[in-house]
Every structure is written in structure tokens, then in C-alpha cells.
């Protein structure tokens, strides 16, 4: 039975160091139908099972948790940065975590808070940037398909690292900067309306080497890198092919 207590929304005074206001406005404009699997965030709904599978795999490995356990994150805190309307926050809460969701767009936080209330989940949602967290630390920090939308990737990764508790786990995902990602995500997906036009700037995509360098500069160490690819028969799947999109898991060095 889900925790039926009301979700908590904490207002935050922000100094938007890594937020790109244009990006925040773009995603905030889609807040109303974020939870519609056929709406503007349909692609995220298709990605979510693979994303959750990867997160669960890394959580199990890092904390030596039995893969059959229903609530592997019980007793742990989780922060999802760039949470949108909560597509990842809600499953993390169901996995037992005390979840905080942070997003640059207040419209997304409003939608996330309303949906969590309908779902009977207590999730702390905040509008702001990662720099607003101060001394708060979290066991699990996630930021999936977000870093390509910030104004300062190095500062953003440093902020994520600062939010990580000792012994914690950081998980990111982002498109690779390749010819395939340009074709698939911009020419095809945005060109045909599968992703809202203007969502991506290919020049802001990071290669795995780019992201690894930022992670290491923030005092962290990469412990896993995995590709996210598309199969005609299976849809999105984890693979060794990182040309389209990829995940990175890191810990304190």
C-alpha cells in the first residue's frame, strides 16, 4: 500500500547558476500533459522502463541488495535533478526511497506535486537548481536526460557531486554527440513530432569522454557506463552501443 500522506512542496529561493531559462520555459510549457503517455513526453514514457531497470541494477550492485527485494531503497534518500513532473521520482518512492525532486520549471513542480497526491506518494518537490541544496546530502542522486539542457555542464556535475552523501551513488544519462544521435533525435524524432521541436541542441550533447572528464573533475569516479539503444523488435534497450544515448554511474573517488 502506498504511503497516503500528502506530498510536501518546499519553496526555494534560487540563484540559477546552471539553469538555462529558455530550457526551463520550454519544458515548463509541457507540464500539463507530462503524464500523458501519448503527449509531448511520450518518448520519456517509453524510456522509463529501461531507465528504471538500469537504476535498479546499479542500486543492487552498489549496496549488495537482493534483486528480488521490492523496496531496495528503504532507509535511503534519493534526489532526482531535472525531475520534470516526477516520472522517475514516483517509481523511486515506490522502491522505498525518501525522494526529493528538483526542477528548474515551477510548472513542472506543480504538476509533479498534484500527480504525487493522486498517487498517494509523499515526495518533496522543489523548484530551483542544484546549487540551492546547500549542505543537504542524498544516498542516490539521479539526473537523466538533463545535463544537455543546462548552461554550465561542469558546474552542474559539481553540484550533483556536492549533493552526494558519503558512500552514495550518482547516475546520469544523456545523448551522445554522434551522427546517429543527430539523425535519430533531431532529424527524425523532432522532425516528425515524436519529440517537441527545439527540445535538443546537438552541439550541447556530451560524449562519454566529455562527461567522464567532468565527473572526475568533480572528485568522482565512473564505475559503469552503458549504452541506451533502440531495437526494432524490443524498443529501447540497454546495450554496449553508446552511439545514441548512454548511462554513467559514479561514486566518490
C-alpha atoms as a PDB file:
ATOM      1  CA  UNK A   1       0.000   0.000   0.000  1.00  0.00           C
ATOM      2  CA  UNK A   2       1.484   3.392  -0.984  1.00  0.00           C
ATOM      3  CA  UNK A   3       2.110   5.973   1.707  1.00  0.00           C
ATOM      4  CA  UNK A   4      -1.004   8.133   1.591  1.00  0.00           C
ATOM      5  CA  UNK A   5       0.451  11.148   3.382  1.00  0.00           C
ATOM      6  CA  UNK A   6       0.321  14.369   1.405  1.00  0.00           C
ATOM      7  CA  UNK A   7       3.321  15.285  -0.747  1.00  0.00           C
ATOM      8  CA  UNK A   8       5.497  18.062   0.570  1.00  0.00           C
ATOM      9  CA  UNK A   9       6.344  21.076  -1.570  1.00  0.00           C
ATOM     10  CA  UNK A  10       9.162  23.296  -0.310  1.00  0.00           C
ATOM     11  CA  UNK A  11       9.664  26.718  -1.956  1.00  0.00           C
ATOM     12  CA  UNK A  12      13.302  27.561  -2.584  1.00  0.00           C
ATOM     13  CA  UNK A  13      14.917  30.932  -3.247  1.00  0.00           C
ATOM     14  CA  UNK A  14      17.207  30.213  -6.139  1.00  0.00           C
ATOM     15  CA  UNK A  15      20.387  31.577  -7.620  1.00  0.00           C
ATOM     16  CA  UNK A  16      20.122  29.937 -11.026  1.00  0.00           C
ATOM     17  CA  UNK A  17      23.778  29.190 -11.749  1.00  0.00           C
ATOM     18  CA  UNK A  18      23.294  26.262 -14.127  1.00  0.00           C
ATOM     19  CA  UNK A  19      19.670  26.736 -15.188  1.00  0.00           C
ATOM     20  CA  UNK A  20      19.124  27.851 -18.774  1.00  0.00           C
ATOM     21  CA  UNK A  21      15.936  29.970 -18.567  1.00  0.00           C
ATOM     22  CA  UNK A  22      14.955  29.179 -22.162  1.00  0.00           C
ATOM     23  CA  UNK A  23      15.239  25.447 -21.489  1.00  0.00           C
ATOM     24  CA  UNK A  24      13.211  25.759 -18.279  1.00  0.00           C
ATOM     25  CA  UNK A  25      10.484  27.624 -20.150  1.00  0.00           C
ATOM     26  CA  UNK A  26      10.472  25.024 -22.944  1.00  0.00           C
ATOM     27  CA  UNK A  27       9.895  22.123 -20.561  1.00  0.00           C
ATOM     28  CA  UNK A  28       7.584  24.075 -18.266  1.00  0.00           C
ATOM     29  CA  UNK A  29       5.286  24.674 -21.217  1.00  0.00           C
ATOM     30  CA  UNK A  30       4.776  20.904 -21.473  1.00  0.00           C
ATOM     31  CA  UNK A  31       3.888  20.422 -17.803  1.00  0.00           C
ATOM     32  CA  UNK A  32       0.141  19.914 -18.311  1.00  0.00           C
ATOM     33  CA  UNK A  33       0.477  16.705 -20.323  1.00  0.00           C
ATOM     34  CA  UNK A  34       3.744  15.354 -18.901  1.00  0.00           C
ATOM     35  CA  UNK A  35       1.957  12.274 -17.544  1.00  0.00           C
ATOM     36  CA  UNK A  36       0.101  11.587 -20.813  1.00  0.00           C
ATOM     37  CA  UNK A  37       1.905   8.600 -22.401  1.00  0.00           C
ATOM     38  CA  UNK A  38       0.736   9.843 -25.804  1.00  0.00           C
ATOM     39  CA  UNK A  39       1.582  13.509 -25.180  1.00  0.00           C
ATOM     40  CA  UNK A  40       4.693  15.634 -25.572  1.00  0.00           C
ATOM     41  CA  UNK A  41       6.643  13.438 -23.126  1.00  0.00           C
ATOM     42  CA  UNK A  42       5.703  10.178 -24.828  1.00  0.00           C
ATOM     43  CA  UNK A  43       9.355   9.390 -25.523  1.00  0.00           C
ATOM     44  CA  UNK A  44      10.192   9.629 -21.804  1.00  0.00           C
ATOM     45  CA  UNK A  45       7.400   7.177 -21.014  1.00  0.00           C
ATOM     46  CA  UNK A  46       8.987   4.739 -23.478  1.00  0.00           C
ATOM     47  CA  UNK A  47      12.416   5.287 -21.932  1.00  0.00           C
ATOM     48  CA  UNK A  48      11.299   4.958 -18.318  1.00  0.00           C
ATOM     49  CA  UNK A  49      11.269   1.134 -18.006  1.00  0.00           C
ATOM     50  CA  UNK A  50      14.851   0.934 -19.302  1.00  0.00           C
ATOM     51  CA  UNK A  51      15.953   3.808 -17.072  1.00  0.00           C
ATOM     52  CA  UNK A  52      14.413   2.179 -14.007  1.00  0.00           C
ATOM     53  CA  UNK A  53      15.988  -1.163 -14.898  1.00  0.00           C
ATOM     54  CA  UNK A  54      19.413   0.433 -15.048  1.00  0.00           C
ATOM     55  CA  UNK A  55      18.926   2.336 -11.778  1.00  0.00           C
ATOM     56  CA  UNK A  56      17.756  -0.814 -10.011  1.00  0.00           C
ATOM     57  CA  UNK A  57      20.734  -2.782 -11.370  1.00  0.00           C
ATOM     58  CA  UNK A  58      23.222  -0.195 -10.126  1.00  0.00           C
ATOM     59  CA  UNK A  59      21.490   0.153  -6.739  1.00  0.00           C
ATOM     60  CA  UNK A  60      21.576  -3.623  -6.243  1.00  0.00           C
ATOM     61  CA  UNK A  61      25.238  -3.803  -7.177  1.00  0.00           C
ATOM     62  CA  UNK A  62      26.375  -0.813  -5.136  1.00  0.00           C
ATOM     63  CA  UNK A  63      24.599  -1.710  -1.917  1.00  0.00           C
ATOM     64  CA  UNK A  64      24.685  -5.523  -2.413  1.00  0.00           C
ATOM     65  CA  UNK A  65      20.903  -5.798  -2.414  1.00  0.00           C
ATOM     66  CA  UNK A  66      18.935  -8.912  -3.328  1.00  0.00           C
ATOM     67  CA  UNK A  67      17.377  -8.325  -6.761  1.00  0.00           C
ATOM     68  CA  UNK A  68      14.078  -9.846  -5.569  1.00  0.00           C
ATOM     69  CA  UNK A  69      13.585  -7.230  -2.827  1.00  0.00           C
ATOM     70  CA  UNK A  70      10.577  -4.992  -3.519  1.00  0.00           C
ATOM     71  CA  UNK A  71      11.923  -1.929  -1.682  1.00  0.00           C
ATOM     72  CA  UNK A  72      15.701  -1.871  -2.233  1.00  0.00           C
ATOM     73  CA  UNK A  73      15.890   1.842  -1.388  1.00  0.00           C
ATOM     74  CA  UNK A  74      14.162   1.589   2.000  1.00  0.00           C
ATOM     75  CA  UNK A  75      16.005   3.727   4.517  1.00  0.00           C
ATOM     76  CA  UNK A  76      17.810   5.691   1.792  1.00  0.00           C
ATOM     77  CA  UNK A  77      17.316   9.200   0.443  1.00  0.00           C
ATOM     78  CA  UNK A  78      17.126   9.946  -3.277  1.00  0.00           C
ATOM     79  CA  UNK A  79      17.360  13.180  -5.255  1.00  0.00           C
ATOM     80  CA  UNK A  80      16.231  13.453  -8.878  1.00  0.00           C
ATOM     81  CA  UNK A  81      17.559  16.634 -10.510  1.00  0.00           C
ATOM     82  CA  UNK A  82      15.579  17.838 -13.509  1.00  0.00           C
ATOM     83  CA  UNK A  83      12.673  15.708 -12.322  1.00  0.00           C
ATOM     84  CA  UNK A  84      10.053  17.161 -14.670  1.00  0.00           C
ATOM     85  CA  UNK A  85       6.645  16.090 -13.409  1.00  0.00           C
ATOM     86  CA  UNK A  86       8.011  13.131 -11.465  1.00  0.00           C
ATOM     87  CA  UNK A  87       8.259  10.235 -13.940  1.00  0.00           C
ATOM     88  CA  UNK A  88      11.307   8.885 -12.115  1.00  0.00           C
ATOM     89  CA  UNK A  89      10.553  10.235  -8.634  1.00  0.00           C
ATOM     90  CA  UNK A  90       7.382   8.208  -8.209  1.00  0.00           C
ATOM     91  CA  UNK A  91       8.978   4.811  -9.007  1.00  0.00           C
ATOM     92  CA  UNK A  92      11.912   5.660  -6.725  1.00  0.00           C
ATOM     93  CA  UNK A  93       9.429   6.366  -3.931  1.00  0.00           C
ATOM     94  CA  UNK A  94       7.741   3.027  -4.567  1.00  0.00           C
ATOM     95  CA  UNK A  95      11.155   1.382  -4.295  1.00  0.00           C
ATOM     96  CA  UNK A  96      11.267   2.703  -0.726  1.00  0.00           C
ATOM     97  CA  UNK A  97      13.341   5.880  -1.004  1.00  0.00           C
ATOM     98  CA  UNK A  98      12.634   9.196   0.697  1.00  0.00           C
ATOM     99  CA  UNK A  99      12.550  11.186  -2.548  1.00  0.00           C
ATOM    100  CA  UNK A 100      13.252  14.819  -3.333  1.00  0.00           C
ATOM    101  CA  UNK A 101      12.518  16.067  -6.839  1.00  0.00           C
ATOM    102  CA  UNK A 102      14.176  19.239  -8.119  1.00  0.00           C
ATOM    103  CA  UNK A 103      13.304  21.016 -11.356  1.00  0.00           C
ATOM    104  CA  UNK A 104      14.007  24.400 -12.946  1.00  0.00           C
ATOM    105  CA  UNK A 105      10.390  24.880 -14.078  1.00  0.00           C
ATOM    106  CA  UNK A 106       7.813  25.738 -11.374  1.00  0.00           C
ATOM    107  CA  UNK A 107       5.081  24.482 -13.735  1.00  0.00           C
ATOM    108  CA  UNK A 108       6.628  21.006 -13.655  1.00  0.00           C
ATOM    109  CA  UNK A 109       6.842  21.042  -9.869  1.00  0.00           C
ATOM    110  CA  UNK A 110       3.145  21.943  -9.652  1.00  0.00           C
ATOM    111  CA  UNK A 111       2.242  19.063 -11.985  1.00  0.00           C
ATOM    112  CA  UNK A 112       4.519  16.670 -10.083  1.00  0.00           C
ATOM    113  CA  UNK A 113       3.027  17.635  -6.731  1.00  0.00           C
ATOM    114  CA  UNK A 114      -0.529  17.164  -7.987  1.00  0.00           C
ATOM    115  CA  UNK A 115       0.240  13.763  -9.517  1.00  0.00           C
ATOM    116  CA  UNK A 116       2.027  12.533  -6.374  1.00  0.00           C
ATOM    117  CA  UNK A 117      -1.043  13.477  -4.336  1.00  0.00           C
ATOM    118  CA  UNK A 118      -3.253  11.447  -6.690  1.00  0.00           C
ATOM    119  CA  UNK A 119      -0.794   8.557  -6.416  1.00  0.00           C
ATOM    120  CA  UNK A 120      -0.698   8.687  -2.609  1.00  0.00           C
ATOM    121  CA  UNK A 121       3.059   9.307  -2.517  1.00  0.00           C
ATOM    122  CA  UNK A 122       4.964  11.624  -0.184  1.00  0.00           C
ATOM    123  CA  UNK A 123       7.621  13.272  -2.366  1.00  0.00           C
ATOM    124  CA  UNK A 124       9.353  16.569  -1.575  1.00  0.00           C
ATOM    125  CA  UNK A 125       9.262  18.653  -4.747  1.00  0.00           C
ATOM    126  CA  UNK A 126      11.188  21.898  -5.158  1.00  0.00           C
ATOM    127  CA  UNK A 127      11.599  24.445  -7.925  1.00  0.00           C
ATOM    128  CA  UNK A 128      15.203  25.526  -8.310  1.00  0.00           C
ATOM    129  CA  UNK A 129      18.692  24.464  -9.336  1.00  0.00           C
ATOM    130  CA  UNK A 130      21.134  22.024  -7.804  1.00  0.00           C
ATOM    131  CA  UNK A 131      23.096  24.909  -6.271  1.00  0.00           C
ATOM    132  CA  UNK A 132      20.182  25.653  -3.916  1.00  0.00           C
ATOM    133  CA  UNK A 133      20.644  22.455  -1.911  1.00  0.00           C
ATOM    134  CA  UNK A 134      23.273  23.813   0.467  1.00  0.00           C
ATOM    135  CA  UNK A 135      24.510  21.171   2.878  1.00  0.00           C
ATOM    136  CA  UNK A 136      21.856  18.562   2.032  1.00  0.00           C
ATOM    137  CA  UNK A 137      23.190  15.152   1.026  1.00  0.00           C
ATOM    138  CA  UNK A 138      21.472  12.167  -0.601  1.00  0.00           C
ATOM    139  CA  UNK A 139      22.341   8.479  -0.892  1.00  0.00           C
ATOM    140  CA  UNK A 140      21.192   8.296  -4.513  1.00  0.00           C
ATOM    141  CA  UNK A 141      21.391  11.225  -6.936  1.00  0.00           C
ATOM    142  CA  UNK A 142      19.920  10.839 -10.428  1.00  0.00           C
ATOM    143  CA  UNK A 143      19.753  13.241 -13.355  1.00  0.00           C
ATOM    144  CA  UNK A 144      18.551  11.608 -16.544  1.00  0.00           C
ATOM    145  CA  UNK A 145      18.469  13.391 -19.908  1.00  0.00           C
ATOM    146  CA  UNK A 146      19.138  16.749 -18.213  1.00  0.00           C
ATOM    147  CA  UNK A 147      22.785  17.785 -18.492  1.00  0.00           C
ATOM    148  CA  UNK A 148      22.411  18.584 -22.198  1.00  0.00           C
ATOM    149  CA  UNK A 149      19.925  21.308 -21.203  1.00  0.00           C
ATOM    150  CA  UNK A 150      21.944  23.217 -18.573  1.00  0.00           C
ATOM    151  CA  UNK A 151      24.008  26.374 -19.081  1.00  0.00           C
ATOM    152  CA  UNK A 152      27.157  25.101 -17.358  1.00  0.00           C
ATOM    153  CA  UNK A 153      27.703  21.311 -17.510  1.00  0.00           C
ATOM    154  CA  UNK A 154      30.847  21.401 -15.353  1.00  0.00           C
ATOM    155  CA  UNK A 155      29.120  23.433 -12.641  1.00  0.00           C
ATOM    156  CA  UNK A 156      26.087  21.165 -12.868  1.00  0.00           C
ATOM    157  CA  UNK A 157      28.123  17.985 -12.326  1.00  0.00           C
ATOM    158  CA  UNK A 158      29.984  19.651  -9.466  1.00  0.00           C
ATOM    159  CA  UNK A 159      26.615  20.457  -7.892  1.00  0.00           C
ATOM    160  CA  UNK A 160      25.435  16.871  -8.287  1.00  0.00           C
ATOM    161  CA  UNK A 161      28.639  15.648  -6.693  1.00  0.00           C
ATOM    162  CA  UNK A 162      28.212  18.028  -3.764  1.00  0.00           C
ATOM    163  CA  UNK A 163      24.741  16.615  -3.152  1.00  0.00           C
ATOM    164  CA  UNK A 164      26.069  13.053  -2.903  1.00  0.00           C
ATOM    165  CA  UNK A 165      26.352  11.563   0.579  1.00  0.00           C
ATOM    166  CA  UNK A 166      29.432   9.563   1.577  1.00  0.00           C
ATOM    167  CA  UNK A 167      29.058   6.102   0.074  1.00  0.00           C
ATOM    168  CA  UNK A 168      26.369   7.382  -2.283  1.00  0.00           C
ATOM    169  CA  UNK A 169      25.629   6.673  -5.926  1.00  0.00           C
ATOM    170  CA  UNK A 170      25.274   9.131  -8.833  1.00  0.00           C
ATOM    171  CA  UNK A 171      23.514   8.097 -12.053  1.00  0.00           C
ATOM    172  CA  UNK A 172      23.260  10.241 -15.190  1.00  0.00           C
ATOM    173  CA  UNK A 173      22.097   9.685 -18.740  1.00  0.00           C
ATOM    174  CA  UNK A 174      22.451  11.871 -21.817  1.00  0.00           C
ATOM    175  CA  UNK A 175      22.567  11.655 -25.620  1.00  0.00           C
ATOM    176  CA  UNK A 176      25.968  11.080 -27.193  1.00  0.00           C
ATOM    177  CA  UNK A 177      27.241  13.656 -29.685  1.00  0.00           C
ATOM    178  CA  UNK A 178      27.317  11.467 -32.788  1.00  0.00           C
ATOM    179  CA  UNK A 179      25.920  11.448 -36.297  1.00  0.00           C
ATOM    180  CA  UNK A 180      23.403   8.817 -35.162  1.00  0.00           C
ATOM    181  CA  UNK A 181      22.025  10.962 -32.330  1.00  0.00           C
ATOM    182  CA  UNK A 182      21.634  13.926 -34.665  1.00  0.00           C
ATOM    183  CA  UNK A 183      19.739  11.809 -37.188  1.00  0.00           C
ATOM    184  CA  UNK A 184      17.583   9.878 -34.698  1.00  0.00           C
ATOM    185  CA  UNK A 185      16.786  12.523 -32.101  1.00  0.00           C
ATOM    186  CA  UNK A 186      16.669  15.744 -34.102  1.00  0.00           C
ATOM    187  CA  UNK A 187      16.151  14.994 -37.791  1.00  0.00           C
ATOM    188  CA  UNK A 188      13.710  12.120 -37.253  1.00  0.00           C
ATOM    189  CA  UNK A 189      12.203  12.402 -33.741  1.00  0.00           C
ATOM    190  CA  UNK A 190      11.853  16.186 -33.655  1.00  0.00           C
ATOM    191  CA  UNK A 191      11.197  16.414 -37.374  1.00  0.00           C
ATOM    192  CA  UNK A 192       8.231  14.042 -37.124  1.00  0.00           C
ATOM    193  CA  UNK A 193       6.885  15.401 -33.838  1.00  0.00           C
ATOM    194  CA  UNK A 194       7.820  12.386 -31.697  1.00  0.00           C
ATOM    195  CA  UNK A 195       9.781  14.872 -29.578  1.00  0.00           C
ATOM    196  CA  UNK A 196       8.712  18.543 -29.444  1.00  0.00           C
ATOM    197  CA  UNK A 197      10.693  20.580 -31.954  1.00  0.00           C
ATOM    198  CA  UNK A 198      13.513  22.589 -30.384  1.00  0.00           C
ATOM    199  CA  UNK A 199      13.982  20.195 -27.451  1.00  0.00           C
ATOM    200  CA  UNK A 200      17.616  19.412 -28.297  1.00  0.00           C
ATOM    201  CA  UNK A 201      20.714  21.294 -29.393  1.00  0.00           C
ATOM    202  CA  UNK A 202      23.073  18.672 -30.830  1.00  0.00           C
ATOM    203  CA  UNK A 203      26.093  20.871 -30.113  1.00  0.00           C
ATOM    204  CA  UNK A 204      25.333  20.605 -26.371  1.00  0.00           C
ATOM    205  CA  UNK A 205      25.410  16.798 -26.378  1.00  0.00           C
ATOM    206  CA  UNK A 206      28.328  15.295 -24.429  1.00  0.00           C
ATOM    207  CA  UNK A 207      30.394  12.301 -25.463  1.00  0.00           C
ATOM    208  CA  UNK A 208      31.176   9.687 -22.782  1.00  0.00           C
ATOM    209  CA  UNK A 209      34.728  11.040 -22.616  1.00  0.00           C
ATOM    210  CA  UNK A 210      33.393  14.583 -22.141  1.00  0.00           C
ATOM    211  CA  UNK A 211      31.114  13.528 -19.291  1.00  0.00           C
ATOM    212  CA  UNK A 212      33.730  11.314 -17.649  1.00  0.00           C
ATOM    213  CA  UNK A 213      36.144  14.256 -17.570  1.00  0.00           C
ATOM    214  CA  UNK A 214      33.519  16.448 -15.867  1.00  0.00           C
ATOM    215  CA  UNK A 215      32.750  13.718 -13.332  1.00  0.00           C
ATOM    216  CA  UNK A 216      36.409  13.206 -12.483  1.00  0.00           C
ATOM    217  CA  UNK A 217      36.962  16.966 -12.180  1.00  0.00           C
ATOM    218  CA  UNK A 218      34.173  16.967  -9.579  1.00  0.00           C
ATOM    219  CA  UNK A 219      36.078  14.445  -7.448  1.00  0.00           C
ATOM    220  CA  UNK A 220      34.064  11.402  -8.516  1.00  0.00           C
ATOM    221  CA  UNK A 221      34.957   8.158 -10.254  1.00  0.00           C
ATOM    222  CA  UNK A 222      32.982   6.444 -13.018  1.00  0.00           C
ATOM    223  CA  UNK A 223      32.172   2.822 -12.128  1.00  0.00           C
ATOM    224  CA  UNK A 224      29.857   1.909 -15.025  1.00  0.00           C
ATOM    225  CA  UNK A 225      28.933   3.173 -18.476  1.00  0.00           C
ATOM    226  CA  UNK A 226      26.156   1.595 -20.539  1.00  0.00           C
ATOM    227  CA  UNK A 227      24.526   2.366 -23.835  1.00  0.00           C
ATOM    228  CA  UNK A 228      20.841   3.018 -24.446  1.00  0.00           C
ATOM    229  CA  UNK A 229      19.904   1.928 -27.940  1.00  0.00           C
ATOM    230  CA  UNK A 230      16.793   1.183 -29.969  1.00  0.00           C
ATOM    231  CA  UNK A 231      15.748  -2.258 -31.179  1.00  0.00           C
ATOM    232  CA  UNK A 232      13.081  -2.613 -33.862  1.00  0.00           C
ATOM    233  CA  UNK A 233      11.683  -5.673 -32.077  1.00  0.00           C
ATOM    234  CA  UNK A 234      12.147  -4.642 -28.427  1.00  0.00           C
ATOM    235  CA  UNK A 235      12.114  -0.840 -28.398  1.00  0.00           C
ATOM    236  CA  UNK A 236      14.628   0.890 -26.131  1.00  0.00           C
ATOM    237  CA  UNK A 237      17.137  -1.460 -24.530  1.00  0.00           C
ATOM    238  CA  UNK A 238      20.364  -1.383 -22.541  1.00  0.00           C
ATOM    239  CA  UNK A 239      23.343  -2.328 -24.672  1.00  0.00           C
ATOM    240  CA  UNK A 240      27.075  -1.874 -25.185  1.00  0.00           C
ATOM    241  CA  UNK A 241      26.318   0.540 -28.032  1.00  0.00           C
ATOM    242  CA  UNK A 242      26.647   4.105 -26.726  1.00  0.00           C
ATOM    243  CA  UNK A 243      26.301   5.943 -30.028  1.00  0.00           C
ATOM    244  CA  UNK A 244      22.706   7.103 -29.406  1.00  0.00           C
ATOM    245  CA  UNK A 245      22.437   7.644 -25.662  1.00  0.00           C
ATOM    246  CA  UNK A 246      24.164   6.317 -22.564  1.00  0.00           C
ATOM    247  CA  UNK A 247      24.149   5.991 -18.776  1.00  0.00           C
ATOM    248  CA  UNK A 248      27.019   6.747 -16.420  1.00  0.00           C
ATOM    249  CA  UNK A 249      27.255   5.684 -12.767  1.00  0.00           C
ATOM    250  CA  UNK A 250      29.763   7.330 -10.436  1.00  0.00           C
ATOM    251  CA  UNK A 251      30.853   7.312  -6.800  1.00  0.00           C
ATOM    252  CA  UNK A 252      33.151   9.490  -4.738  1.00  0.00           C
ATOM    253  CA  UNK A 253      36.745   8.877  -5.793  1.00  0.00           C
END
